[in-house]
């Protein structure tokens, strides 16, 4: 089970870097944080798991979404001539 979570964490980390849409990247990071908290719980650190779920998936995601709403949502790619 731990190996599966670690592989999913690597995939989600790469996906969050590759997305051009910032909202999709933030959603990937929120899922990443929830999987981290699940991993901490399996490693017998429930206090760290609760803190990660609250701060990583909760507060940080809300702050990122509010910031995205005040800026452009998609990354602009400049065309080369």
PDB file of N, CA and C in Angstrom:
ATOM      1  N   UNK A   1       0.822  -1.199   0.000  1.00  0.00           N
ATOM      2  CA  UNK A   1       0.000   0.000   0.000  1.00  0.00           C
ATOM      3  C   UNK A   1       0.861   1.256   0.000  1.00  0.00           C
ATOM      4  N   UNK A   2       1.936   1.226   0.760  1.00  0.00           N
ATOM      5  CA  UNK A   2       2.826   2.387   0.834  1.00  0.00           C
ATOM      6  C   UNK A   2       3.469   2.676  -0.515  1.00  0.00           C
ATOM      7  N   UNK A   3       3.846   1.627  -1.219  1.00  0.00           N
ATOM      8  CA  UNK A   3       4.477   1.818  -2.529  1.00  0.00           C
ATOM      9  C   UNK A   3       3.512   2.441  -3.520  1.00  0.00           C
ATOM     10  N   UNK A   4       2.247   2.033  -3.464  1.00  0.00           N
ATOM     11  CA  UNK A   4       1.234   2.593  -4.356  1.00  0.00           C
ATOM     12  C   UNK A   4       1.049   4.077  -4.100  1.00  0.00           C
ATOM     13  N   UNK A   5       0.999   4.467  -2.840  1.00  0.00           N
ATOM     14  CA  UNK A   5       0.848   5.883  -2.494  1.00  0.00           C
ATOM     15  C   UNK A   5       2.060   6.674  -2.952  1.00  0.00           C
ATOM     16  N   UNK A   6       3.241   6.127  -2.780  1.00  0.00           N
ATOM     17  CA  UNK A   6       4.449   6.828  -3.214  1.00  0.00           C
ATOM     18  C   UNK A   6       4.489   7.019  -4.729  1.00  0.00           C
ATOM     19  N   UNK A   7       4.060   6.003  -5.479  1.00  0.00           N
ATOM     20  CA  UNK A   7       4.013   6.134  -6.942  1.00  0.00           C
ATOM     21  C   UNK A   7       2.989   7.184  -7.347  1.00  0.00           C
ATOM     22  N   UNK A   8       1.832   7.182  -6.690  1.00  0.00           N
ATOM     23  CA  UNK A   8       0.820   8.196  -6.980  1.00  0.00           C
ATOM     24  C   UNK A   8       1.318   9.597  -6.645  1.00  0.00           C
ATOM     25  N   UNK A   9       2.099   9.726  -5.568  1.00  0.00           N
ATOM     26  CA  UNK A   9       2.661  11.033  -5.210  1.00  0.00           C
ATOM     27  C   UNK A   9       3.610  11.544  -6.297  1.00  0.00           C
ATOM     28  N   UNK A  10       4.421  10.656  -6.836  1.00  0.00           N
ATOM     29  CA  UNK A  10       5.346  11.054  -7.904  1.00  0.00           C
ATOM     30  C   UNK A  10       4.562  11.485  -9.145  1.00  0.00           C
ATOM     31  N   UNK A  11       3.540  10.710  -9.498  1.00  0.00           N
ATOM     32  CA  UNK A  11       2.732  11.041 -10.675  1.00  0.00           C
ATOM     33  C   UNK A  11       2.018  12.378 -10.488  1.00  0.00           C
ATOM     34  N   UNK A  12       1.423  12.588  -9.320  1.00  0.00           N
ATOM     35  CA  UNK A  12       0.715  13.842  -9.070  1.00  0.00           C
ATOM     36  C   UNK A  12       1.669  15.034  -9.034  1.00  0.00           C
ATOM     37  N   UNK A  13       2.862  14.840  -8.506  1.00  0.00           N
ATOM     38  CA  UNK A  13       3.842  15.922  -8.500  1.00  0.00           C
ATOM     39  C   UNK A  13       4.244  16.331  -9.899  1.00  0.00           C
ATOM     40  N   UNK A  14       4.469  15.356 -10.758  1.00  0.00           N
ATOM     41  CA  UNK A  14       4.836  15.654 -12.146  1.00  0.00           C
ATOM     42  C   UNK A  14       3.662  16.298 -12.881  1.00  0.00           C
ATOM     43  N   UNK A  15       2.452  15.776 -12.666  1.00  0.00           N
ATOM     44  CA  UNK A  15       1.284  16.359 -13.317  1.00  0.00           C
ATOM     45  C   UNK A  15       1.048  17.802 -12.898  1.00  0.00           C
ATOM     46  N   UNK A  16       1.226  18.096 -11.628  1.00  0.00           N
ATOM     47  CA  UNK A  16       0.993  19.461 -11.162  1.00  0.00           C
ATOM     48  C   UNK A  16       2.009  20.433 -11.765  1.00  0.00           C
ATOM     49  N   UNK A  17       3.191  19.952 -12.101  1.00  0.00           N
ATOM     50  CA  UNK A  17       4.177  20.805 -12.765  1.00  0.00           C
ATOM     51  C   UNK A  17       3.880  20.978 -14.250  1.00  0.00           C
ATOM     52  N   UNK A  18       3.252  19.991 -14.867  1.00  0.00           N
ATOM     53  CA  UNK A  18       3.033  20.009 -16.307  1.00  0.00           C
ATOM     54  C   UNK A  18       1.750  20.709 -16.738  1.00  0.00           C
ATOM     55  N   UNK A  19       0.780  20.860 -15.848  1.00  0.00           N
ATOM     56  CA  UNK A  19      -0.483  21.498 -16.220  1.00  0.00           C
ATOM     57  C   UNK A  19      -0.270  22.969 -16.535  1.00  0.00           C
ATOM     58  N   UNK A  20      -0.888  23.432 -17.630  1.00  0.00           N
ATOM     59  CA  UNK A  20      -0.846  24.860 -17.970  1.00  0.00           C
ATOM     60  C   UNK A  20      -1.961  25.617 -17.261  1.00  0.00           C
ATOM     61  N   UNK A  21      -3.036  24.919 -16.922  1.00  0.00           N
ATOM     62  CA  UNK A  21      -4.141  25.535 -16.193  1.00  0.00           C
ATOM     63  C   UNK A  21      -3.815  25.481 -14.699  1.00  0.00           C
ATOM     64  N   UNK A  22      -3.742  26.642 -14.084  1.00  0.00           N
ATOM     65  CA  UNK A  22      -3.317  26.700 -12.680  1.00  0.00           C
ATOM     66  C   UNK A  22      -4.306  26.051 -11.729  1.00  0.00           C
ATOM     67  N   UNK A  23      -5.603  26.117 -12.053  1.00  0.00           N
ATOM     68  CA  UNK A  23      -6.594  25.502 -11.180  1.00  0.00           C
ATOM     69  C   UNK A  23      -6.425  23.983 -11.157  1.00  0.00           C
ATOM     70  N   UNK A  24      -6.138  23.389 -12.302  1.00  0.00           N
ATOM     71  CA  UNK A  24      -5.879  21.942 -12.338  1.00  0.00           C
ATOM     72  C   UNK A  24      -4.627  21.592 -11.535  1.00  0.00           C
ATOM     73  N   UNK A  25      -3.613  22.440 -11.603  1.00  0.00           N
ATOM     74  CA  UNK A  25      -2.391  22.194 -10.837  1.00  0.00           C
ATOM     75  C   UNK A  25      -2.668  22.261  -9.340  1.00  0.00           C
ATOM     76  N   UNK A  26      -3.495  23.199  -8.923  1.00  0.00           N
ATOM     77  CA  UNK A  26      -3.831  23.317  -7.493  1.00  0.00           C
ATOM     78  C   UNK A  26      -4.639  22.114  -7.029  1.00  0.00           C
ATOM     79  N   UNK A  27      -5.534  21.627  -7.858  1.00  0.00           N
ATOM     80  CA  UNK A  27      -6.309  20.432  -7.500  1.00  0.00           C
ATOM     81  C   UNK A  27      -5.379  19.232  -7.354  1.00  0.00           C
ATOM     82  N   UNK A  28      -4.396  19.116  -8.259  1.00  0.00           N
ATOM     83  CA  UNK A  28      -3.413  18.028  -8.134  1.00  0.00           C
ATOM     84  C   UNK A  28      -2.622  18.155  -6.842  1.00  0.00           C
ATOM     85  N   UNK A  29      -2.252  19.379  -6.484  1.00  0.00           N
ATOM     86  CA  UNK A  29      -1.504  19.573  -5.235  1.00  0.00           C
ATOM     87  C   UNK A  29      -2.360  19.261  -4.005  1.00  0.00           C
ATOM     88  N   UNK A  30      -3.656  19.540  -4.070  1.00  0.00           N
ATOM     89  CA  UNK A  30      -4.541  19.198  -2.953  1.00  0.00           C
ATOM     90  C   UNK A  30      -4.646  17.689  -2.785  1.00  0.00           C
ATOM     91  N   UNK A  31      -4.779  16.981  -3.911  1.00  0.00           N
ATOM     92  CA  UNK A  31      -4.822  15.513  -3.848  1.00  0.00           C
ATOM     93  C   UNK A  31      -3.485  14.971  -3.361  1.00  0.00           C
ATOM     94  N   UNK A  32      -2.385  15.595  -3.813  1.00  0.00           N
ATOM     95  CA  UNK A  32      -1.044  15.236  -3.346  1.00  0.00           C
ATOM     96  C   UNK A  32      -0.962  15.349  -1.824  1.00  0.00           C
ATOM     97  N   UNK A  33      -1.485  16.440  -1.292  1.00  0.00           N
ATOM     98  CA  UNK A  33      -1.442  16.654   0.148  1.00  0.00           C
ATOM     99  C   UNK A  33      -2.304  15.637   0.900  1.00  0.00           C
ATOM    100  N   UNK A  34      -3.455  15.310   0.353  1.00  0.00           N
ATOM    101  CA  UNK A  34      -4.302  14.299   0.998  1.00  0.00           C
ATOM    102  C   UNK A  34      -3.635  12.931   1.000  1.00  0.00           C
ATOM    103  N   UNK A  35      -2.957  12.598  -0.104  1.00  0.00           N
ATOM    104  CA  UNK A  35      -2.230  11.325  -0.136  1.00  0.00           C
ATOM    105  C   UNK A  35      -1.056  11.337   0.837  1.00  0.00           C
ATOM    106  N   UNK A  36      -0.410  12.484   0.993  1.00  0.00           N
ATOM    107  CA  UNK A  36       0.664  12.594   1.997  1.00  0.00           C
ATOM    108  C   UNK A  36       0.119  12.354   3.399  1.00  0.00           C
ATOM    109  N   UNK A  37      -1.035  12.936   3.683  1.00  0.00           N
ATOM    110  CA  UNK A  37      -1.610  12.729   5.015  1.00  0.00           C
ATOM    111  C   UNK A  37      -2.022  11.269   5.220  1.00  0.00           C
ATOM    112  N   UNK A  38      -2.505  10.628   4.165  1.00  0.00           N
ATOM    113  CA  UNK A  38      -2.820   9.200   4.263  1.00  0.00           C
ATOM    114  C   UNK A  38      -1.562   8.379   4.501  1.00  0.00           C
ATOM    115  N   UNK A  39      -0.478   8.739   3.837  1.00  0.00           N
ATOM    116  CA  UNK A  39       0.794   8.044   4.035  1.00  0.00           C
ATOM    117  C   UNK A  39       1.308   8.235   5.466  1.00  0.00           C
ATOM    118  N   UNK A  40       1.192   9.449   5.984  1.00  0.00           N
ATOM    119  CA  UNK A  40       1.609   9.696   7.365  1.00  0.00           C
ATOM    120  C   UNK A  40       0.782   8.863   8.348  1.00  0.00           C
ATOM    121  N   UNK A  41      -0.508   8.716   8.052  1.00  0.00           N
ATOM    122  CA  UNK A  41      -1.354   7.898   8.919  1.00  0.00           C
ATOM    123  C   UNK A  41      -0.917   6.437   8.900  1.00  0.00           C
ATOM    124  N   UNK A  42      -0.594   5.917   7.700  1.00  0.00           N
ATOM    125  CA  UNK A  42      -0.116   4.529   7.599  1.00  0.00           C
ATOM    126  C   UNK A  42       1.232   4.343   8.284  1.00  0.00           C
ATOM    127  N   UNK A  43       2.021   5.413   8.370  1.00  0.00           N
ATOM    128  CA  UNK A  43       3.322   5.334   9.035  1.00  0.00           C
ATOM    129  C   UNK A  43       3.223   5.621  10.534  1.00  0.00           C
ATOM    130  N   UNK A  44       1.981   5.580  11.063  1.00  0.00           N
ATOM    131  CA  UNK A  44       1.712   5.727  12.495  1.00  0.00           C
ATOM    132  C   UNK A  44       2.105   7.103  13.026  1.00  0.00           C
ATOM    133  N   UNK A  45       1.775   8.136  12.246  1.00  0.00           N
ATOM    134  CA  UNK A  45       1.962   9.512  12.693  1.00  0.00           C
ATOM    135  C   UNK A  45       0.650  10.267  12.483  1.00  0.00           C
ATOM    136  N   UNK A  46      -0.376   9.947  13.294  1.00  0.00           N
ATOM    137  CA  UNK A  46      -1.692  10.559  13.048  1.00  0.00           C
ATOM    138  C   UNK A  46      -1.726  12.064  13.297  1.00  0.00           C
ATOM    139  N   UNK A  47      -0.901  12.563  14.213  1.00  0.00           N
ATOM    140  CA  UNK A  47      -0.888  14.005  14.461  1.00  0.00           C
ATOM    141  C   UNK A  47      -0.331  14.769  13.262  1.00  0.00           C
ATOM    142  N   UNK A  48       0.697  14.227  12.631  1.00  0.00           N
ATOM    143  CA  UNK A  48       1.259  14.844  11.432  1.00  0.00           C
ATOM    144  C   UNK A  48       0.265  14.728  10.280  1.00  0.00           C
ATOM    145  N   UNK A  49      -0.456  13.613  10.213  1.00  0.00           N
ATOM    146  CA  UNK A  49      -1.447  13.423   9.153  1.00  0.00           C
ATOM    147  C   UNK A  49      -2.571  14.449   9.256  1.00  0.00           C
ATOM    148  N   UNK A  50      -3.030  14.707  10.458  1.00  0.00           N
ATOM    149  CA  UNK A  50      -4.089  15.690  10.651  1.00  0.00           C
ATOM    150  C   UNK A  50      -3.597  17.081  10.300  1.00  0.00           C
ATOM    151  N   UNK A  51      -2.390  17.419  10.697  1.00  0.00           N
ATOM    152  CA  UNK A  51      -1.836  18.739  10.368  1.00  0.00           C
ATOM    153  C   UNK A  51      -1.651  18.900   8.861  1.00  0.00           C
ATOM    154  N   UNK A  52      -1.178  17.869   8.194  1.00  0.00           N
ATOM    155  CA  UNK A  52      -0.988  17.928   6.738  1.00  0.00           C
ATOM    156  C   UNK A  52      -2.322  18.083   6.023  1.00  0.00           C
ATOM    157  N   UNK A  53      -3.329  17.355   6.472  1.00  0.00           N
ATOM    158  CA  UNK A  53      -4.648  17.449   5.838  1.00  0.00           C
ATOM    159  C   UNK A  53      -5.255  18.839   6.050  1.00  0.00           C
ATOM    160  N   UNK A  54      -5.090  19.382   7.237  1.00  0.00           N
ATOM    161  CA  UNK A  54      -5.682  20.689   7.523  1.00  0.00           C
ATOM    162  C   UNK A  54      -4.955  21.811   6.803  1.00  0.00           C
ATOM    163  N   UNK A  55      -3.643  21.823   6.888  1.00  0.00           N
ATOM    164  CA  UNK A  55      -2.873  22.922   6.303  1.00  0.00           C
ATOM    165  C   UNK A  55      -2.650  22.709   4.815  1.00  0.00           C
ATOM    166  N   UNK A  56      -2.182  21.543   4.431  1.00  0.00           N
ATOM    167  CA  UNK A  56      -1.842  21.293   3.037  1.00  0.00           C
ATOM    168  C   UNK A  56      -3.042  21.237   2.124  1.00  0.00           C
ATOM    169  N   UNK A  57      -4.014  20.436   2.477  1.00  0.00           N
ATOM    170  CA  UNK A  57      -5.178  20.278   1.603  1.00  0.00           C
ATOM    171  C   UNK A  57      -6.235  21.334   1.860  1.00  0.00           C
ATOM    172  N   UNK A  58      -6.283  21.855   3.059  1.00  0.00           N
ATOM    173  CA  UNK A  58      -7.322  22.824   3.388  1.00  0.00           C
ATOM    174  C   UNK A  58      -6.933  24.259   3.142  1.00  0.00           C
ATOM    175  N   UNK A  59      -6.098  24.783   3.989  1.00  0.00           N
ATOM    176  CA  UNK A  59      -5.766  26.209   3.975  1.00  0.00           C
ATOM    177  C   UNK A  59      -4.987  26.596   2.718  1.00  0.00           C
ATOM    178  N   UNK A  60      -3.983  25.824   2.370  1.00  0.00           N
ATOM    179  CA  UNK A  60      -3.161  26.170   1.206  1.00  0.00           C
ATOM    180  C   UNK A  60      -3.984  26.143  -0.076  1.00  0.00           C
ATOM    181  N   UNK A  61      -4.870  25.167  -0.218  1.00  0.00           N
ATOM    182  CA  UNK A  61      -5.699  25.083  -1.416  1.00  0.00           C
ATOM    183  C   UNK A  61      -6.631  26.284  -1.525  1.00  0.00           C
ATOM    184  N   UNK A  62      -7.222  26.675  -0.426  1.00  0.00           N
ATOM    185  CA  UNK A  62      -8.114  27.843  -0.436  1.00  0.00           C
ATOM    186  C   UNK A  62      -7.339  29.102  -0.815  1.00  0.00           C
ATOM    187  N   UNK A  63      -6.153  29.282  -0.266  1.00  0.00           N
ATOM    188  CA  UNK A  63      -5.340  30.457  -0.584  1.00  0.00           C
ATOM    189  C   UNK A  63      -4.943  30.455  -2.061  1.00  0.00           C
ATOM    190  N   UNK A  64      -4.548  29.299  -2.589  1.00  0.00           N
ATOM    191  CA  UNK A  64      -4.180  29.211  -4.001  1.00  0.00           C
ATOM    192  C   UNK A  64      -5.364  29.524  -4.911  1.00  0.00           C
ATOM    193  N   UNK A  65      -6.542  28.982  -4.599  1.00  0.00           N
ATOM    194  CA  UNK A  65      -7.721  29.221  -5.436  1.00  0.00           C
ATOM    195  C   UNK A  65      -8.122  30.696  -5.396  1.00  0.00           C
ATOM    196  N   UNK A  66      -8.074  31.310  -4.237  1.00  0.00           N
ATOM    197  CA  UNK A  66      -8.386  32.738  -4.147  1.00  0.00           C
ATOM    198  C   UNK A  66      -7.394  33.584  -4.938  1.00  0.00           C
ATOM    199  N   UNK A  67      -6.140  33.198  -4.917  1.00  0.00           N
ATOM    200  CA  UNK A  67      -5.131  33.926  -5.674  1.00  0.00           C
ATOM    201  C   UNK A  67      -5.329  33.749  -7.173  1.00  0.00           C
ATOM    202  N   UNK A  68      -5.678  32.542  -7.598  1.00  0.00           N
ATOM    203  CA  UNK A  68      -5.924  32.293  -9.017  1.00  0.00           C
ATOM    204  C   UNK A  68      -7.119  33.100  -9.509  1.00  0.00           C
ATOM    205  N   UNK A  69      -8.134  33.259  -8.662  1.00  0.00           N
ATOM    206  CA  UNK A  69      -9.300  34.051  -9.053  1.00  0.00           C
ATOM    207  C   UNK A  69      -8.941  35.513  -9.289  1.00  0.00           C
ATOM    208  N   UNK A  70      -7.891  36.006  -8.649  1.00  0.00           N
ATOM    209  CA  UNK A  70      -7.487  37.396  -8.812  1.00  0.00           C
ATOM    210  C   UNK A  70      -6.476  37.596  -9.933  1.00  0.00           C
ATOM    211  N   UNK A  71      -5.990  36.514 -10.522  1.00  0.00           N
ATOM    212  CA  UNK A  71      -5.007  36.603 -11.598  1.00  0.00           C
ATOM    213  C   UNK A  71      -5.511  35.831 -12.808  1.00  0.00           C
ATOM    214  N   UNK A  72      -4.635  35.689 -13.801  1.00  0.00           N
ATOM    215  CA  UNK A  72      -4.994  34.885 -14.977  1.00  0.00           C
ATOM    216  C   UNK A  72      -4.947  33.414 -14.611  1.00  0.00           C
ATOM    217  N   UNK A  73      -5.866  32.664 -15.195  1.00  0.00           N
ATOM    218  CA  UNK A  73      -5.975  31.253 -14.833  1.00  0.00           C
ATOM    219  C   UNK A  73      -5.012  30.379 -15.608  1.00  0.00           C
ATOM    220  N   UNK A  74      -4.786  30.698 -16.879  1.00  0.00           N
ATOM    221  CA  UNK A  74      -3.934  29.861 -17.710  1.00  0.00           C
ATOM    222  C   UNK A  74      -2.621  30.553 -17.990  1.00  0.00           C
ATOM    223  N   UNK A  75      -1.587  29.754 -18.087  1.00  0.00           N
ATOM    224  CA  UNK A  75      -0.265  30.274 -18.400  1.00  0.00           C
ATOM    225  C   UNK A  75      -0.226  30.657 -19.869  1.00  0.00           C
ATOM    226  N   UNK A  76       0.237  31.859 -20.129  1.00  0.00           N
ATOM    227  CA  UNK A  76       0.341  32.328 -21.506  1.00  0.00           C
ATOM    228  C   UNK A  76       1.642  31.810 -22.110  1.00  0.00           C
ATOM    229  N   UNK A  77       1.546  31.250 -23.300  1.00  0.00           N
ATOM    230  CA  UNK A  77       2.728  30.754 -23.999  1.00  0.00           C
ATOM    231  C   UNK A  77       3.006  31.700 -25.147  1.00  0.00           C
ATOM    232  N   UNK A  78       4.215  32.251 -25.162  1.00  0.00           N
ATOM    233  CA  UNK A  78       4.578  33.191 -26.230  1.00  0.00           C
ATOM    234  C   UNK A  78       4.952  32.412 -27.477  1.00  0.00           C
ATOM    235  N   UNK A  79       4.491  32.928 -28.607  1.00  0.00           N
ATOM    236  CA  UNK A  79       4.815  32.284 -29.880  1.00  0.00           C
ATOM    237  C   UNK A  79       6.149  32.786 -30.384  1.00  0.00           C
ATOM    238  N   UNK A  80       6.965  31.872 -30.854  1.00  0.00           N
ATOM    239  CA  UNK A  80       8.254  32.240 -31.415  1.00  0.00           C
ATOM    240  C   UNK A  80       8.112  32.429 -32.920  1.00  0.00           C
ATOM    241  N   UNK A  81       8.727  33.468 -33.438  1.00  0.00           N
ATOM    242  CA  UNK A  81       8.628  33.742 -34.882  1.00  0.00           C
ATOM    243  C   UNK A  81       9.817  33.248 -35.613  1.00  0.00           C
TER     244      UNK A  81
END
